[in-house]
């Protein structure tokens, strides 16, 4: 399980994130992975836009949580 991939804020909008995810997904494809899921905060429109631009679509599953 991979927890986080990130780009330092001062290096954002330079194509680094797109290159990271592209190479990561290509590696997964080559080893036979057929589906990738990610979790994004509902209110993080920038991250949702990033994943949408990289061909991620809404899943049919719902993430549920319970807080104490």
C-alpha atoms as a PDB file:
ATOM      1  CA  UNK A   1       0.000   0.000   0.000  1.00  0.00           C
ATOM      2  CA  UNK A   2       1.289   3.396  -0.963  1.00  0.00           C
ATOM      3  CA  UNK A   3       0.189   6.110   1.422  1.00  0.00           C
ATOM      4  CA  UNK A   4       1.188   9.431  -0.131  1.00  0.00           C
ATOM      5  CA  UNK A   5       2.769  10.942  -3.218  1.00  0.00           C
ATOM      6  CA  UNK A   6       3.286  14.674  -3.051  1.00  0.00           C
ATOM      7  CA  UNK A   7       5.035  17.607  -4.646  1.00  0.00           C
ATOM      8  CA  UNK A   8       6.533  20.428  -2.593  1.00  0.00           C
ATOM      9  CA  UNK A   9       4.295  23.494  -3.026  1.00  0.00           C
ATOM     10  CA  UNK A  10       7.127  25.584  -4.526  1.00  0.00           C
ATOM     11  CA  UNK A  11       7.457  23.028  -7.353  1.00  0.00           C
ATOM     12  CA  UNK A  12       3.760  22.624  -8.161  1.00  0.00           C
ATOM     13  CA  UNK A  13       2.324  23.422 -11.597  1.00  0.00           C
ATOM     14  CA  UNK A  14       5.539  22.329 -13.333  1.00  0.00           C
ATOM     15  CA  UNK A  15       4.324  18.901 -14.495  1.00  0.00           C
ATOM     16  CA  UNK A  16       6.100  16.990 -11.716  1.00  0.00           C
ATOM     17  CA  UNK A  17       2.901  15.497 -10.267  1.00  0.00           C
ATOM     18  CA  UNK A  18       1.715  14.384 -13.682  1.00  0.00           C
ATOM     19  CA  UNK A  19       5.060  12.721 -14.372  1.00  0.00           C
ATOM     20  CA  UNK A  20       5.082  11.005 -10.961  1.00  0.00           C
ATOM     21  CA  UNK A  21       1.605   9.584 -11.358  1.00  0.00           C
ATOM     22  CA  UNK A  22       2.169   8.631 -14.980  1.00  0.00           C
ATOM     23  CA  UNK A  23       5.303   6.619 -14.173  1.00  0.00           C
ATOM     24  CA  UNK A  24       3.720   5.108 -11.065  1.00  0.00           C
ATOM     25  CA  UNK A  25       0.624   3.977 -12.973  1.00  0.00           C
ATOM     26  CA  UNK A  26       2.710   2.606 -15.840  1.00  0.00           C
ATOM     27  CA  UNK A  27       4.746   0.542 -13.375  1.00  0.00           C
ATOM     28  CA  UNK A  28       1.555  -0.826 -11.820  1.00  0.00           C
ATOM     29  CA  UNK A  29       0.157  -1.662 -15.268  1.00  0.00           C
ATOM     30  CA  UNK A  30       3.353  -3.527 -16.174  1.00  0.00           C
ATOM     31  CA  UNK A  31       3.142  -5.710 -13.070  1.00  0.00           C
ATOM     32  CA  UNK A  32      -0.477  -6.598 -13.764  1.00  0.00           C
ATOM     33  CA  UNK A  33      -2.460  -4.229 -11.571  1.00  0.00           C
ATOM     34  CA  UNK A  34      -5.894  -3.722 -13.127  1.00  0.00           C
ATOM     35  CA  UNK A  35      -7.425  -1.018 -10.910  1.00  0.00           C
ATOM     36  CA  UNK A  36      -6.157   1.797  -8.680  1.00  0.00           C
ATOM     37  CA  UNK A  37      -8.210   3.584  -6.030  1.00  0.00           C
ATOM     38  CA  UNK A  38      -7.373   6.805  -4.263  1.00  0.00           C
ATOM     39  CA  UNK A  39      -9.014   8.789  -1.482  1.00  0.00           C
ATOM     40  CA  UNK A  40      -9.430  12.539  -1.823  1.00  0.00           C
ATOM     41  CA  UNK A  41     -11.055  14.942   0.613  1.00  0.00           C
ATOM     42  CA  UNK A  42     -14.470  15.903  -0.774  1.00  0.00           C
ATOM     43  CA  UNK A  43     -13.589  19.602  -0.440  1.00  0.00           C
ATOM     44  CA  UNK A  44     -10.132  19.439  -2.062  1.00  0.00           C
ATOM     45  CA  UNK A  45     -11.117  20.691  -5.503  1.00  0.00           C
ATOM     46  CA  UNK A  46      -7.506  21.088  -6.667  1.00  0.00           C
ATOM     47  CA  UNK A  47      -6.681  17.461  -5.937  1.00  0.00           C
ATOM     48  CA  UNK A  48      -9.953  16.265  -7.474  1.00  0.00           C
ATOM     49  CA  UNK A  49      -9.115  18.286 -10.590  1.00  0.00           C
ATOM     50  CA  UNK A  50      -5.604  16.790 -10.669  1.00  0.00           C
ATOM     51  CA  UNK A  51      -6.892  13.220 -10.544  1.00  0.00           C
ATOM     52  CA  UNK A  52      -9.652  13.975 -13.045  1.00  0.00           C
ATOM     53  CA  UNK A  53      -7.028  15.338 -15.446  1.00  0.00           C
ATOM     54  CA  UNK A  54      -5.176  12.031 -14.992  1.00  0.00           C
ATOM     55  CA  UNK A  55      -8.208   9.958 -16.023  1.00  0.00           C
ATOM     56  CA  UNK A  56      -9.500   9.045 -12.563  1.00  0.00           C
ATOM     57  CA  UNK A  57     -13.284   8.931 -12.300  1.00  0.00           C
ATOM     58  CA  UNK A  58     -15.644   8.744  -9.306  1.00  0.00           C
ATOM     59  CA  UNK A  59     -15.831   5.248  -7.865  1.00  0.00           C
ATOM     60  CA  UNK A  60     -18.980   3.299  -7.138  1.00  0.00           C
ATOM     61  CA  UNK A  61     -17.816   2.778  -3.553  1.00  0.00           C
ATOM     62  CA  UNK A  62     -18.352   5.190  -0.673  1.00  0.00           C
ATOM     63  CA  UNK A  63     -15.737   5.790   2.003  1.00  0.00           C
ATOM     64  CA  UNK A  64     -17.385   5.658   5.428  1.00  0.00           C
ATOM     65  CA  UNK A  65     -15.907   6.710   8.735  1.00  0.00           C
ATOM     66  CA  UNK A  66     -16.873   6.935  12.369  1.00  0.00           C
ATOM     67  CA  UNK A  67     -15.306   9.449  14.689  1.00  0.00           C
ATOM     68  CA  UNK A  68     -15.162   9.331  18.464  1.00  0.00           C
END
